[in-house]
Amino acid sequence: MELYSLYAFTDKLIVGSFDLPHGRKLRNLLDAGLATEEELINDVILGAM
């Protein structure tokens, strides 16, 4: 992630994180069992409905 944040060498790569940036609440949803990784990736990171 650090390398890609310095230079976006392709537009075909999607970088997502449940923990970064600091204060991100997605990890809390996983830890509480309110959402699965698949749900978060589809709904939040990819923006699928």
Protein backbone atom coordinates (compact mmCIF):
# COMPACT_ATOMS: atom_id res chain seq x y z
CA MET A 1 0.00 0.00 0.00
CA GLU A 2 2.83 2.39 0.74
CA LEU A 3 4.35 1.93 -2.72
CA TYR A 4 1.02 2.40 -4.50
CA SER A 5 0.27 5.52 -2.45
CA LEU A 6 3.49 7.03 -3.83
CA TYR A 7 2.89 6.09 -7.46
CA ALA A 8 -0.35 4.80 -8.99
CA PHE A 9 1.25 2.55 -11.61
CA THR A 10 -2.04 1.13 -12.88
CA ASP A 11 -5.72 2.01 -12.78
CA LYS A 12 -6.67 -1.67 -12.70
CA LEU A 13 -5.58 -2.18 -9.07
CA ILE A 14 -8.01 -1.53 -6.25
CA VAL A 15 -6.38 -1.06 -2.86
CA GLY A 16 -8.68 -1.32 0.11
CA SER A 17 -8.17 -1.58 3.84
CA PHE A 18 -10.38 -2.32 6.80
CA ASP A 19 -7.95 -0.52 9.13
CA LEU A 20 -6.47 2.41 7.20
CA PRO A 21 -6.80 5.38 7.29
CA HIS A 22 -6.62 5.51 11.07
CA GLY A 23 -10.04 5.72 12.69
CA ARG A 24 -11.65 3.59 10.00
CA LYS A 25 -14.78 1.91 11.35
CA LEU A 26 -14.91 -1.06 8.97
CA ARG A 27 -12.79 -3.21 11.32
CA ASN A 28 -15.32 -2.54 14.10
CA LEU A 29 -18.14 -3.89 11.94
CA LEU A 30 -16.17 -7.09 11.35
CA ASP A 31 -15.20 -7.51 15.00
CA ALA A 32 -18.79 -7.00 16.17
CA GLY A 33 -20.13 -9.51 13.66
CA LEU A 34 -22.37 -6.92 12.02
CA ALA A 35 -20.91 -7.49 8.56
CA THR A 36 -18.77 -9.99 6.69
CA GLU A 37 -15.64 -9.20 4.71
CA GLU A 38 -17.51 -9.97 1.49
CA GLU A 39 -20.33 -7.56 2.37
CA LEU A 40 -17.90 -4.77 3.19
CA ILE A 41 -15.86 -5.28 0.04
CA ASN A 42 -18.94 -5.33 -2.19
CA ASP A 43 -20.91 -2.55 -0.52
CA VAL A 44 -18.29 -0.14 0.78
CA ILE A 45 -15.08 -0.58 -1.19
CA LEU A 46 -16.51 -1.47 -4.61
CA GLY A 47 -19.73 0.51 -4.18
CA ALA A 48 -22.01 -2.27 -5.40
CA MET A 49 -25.66 -2.15 -4.47
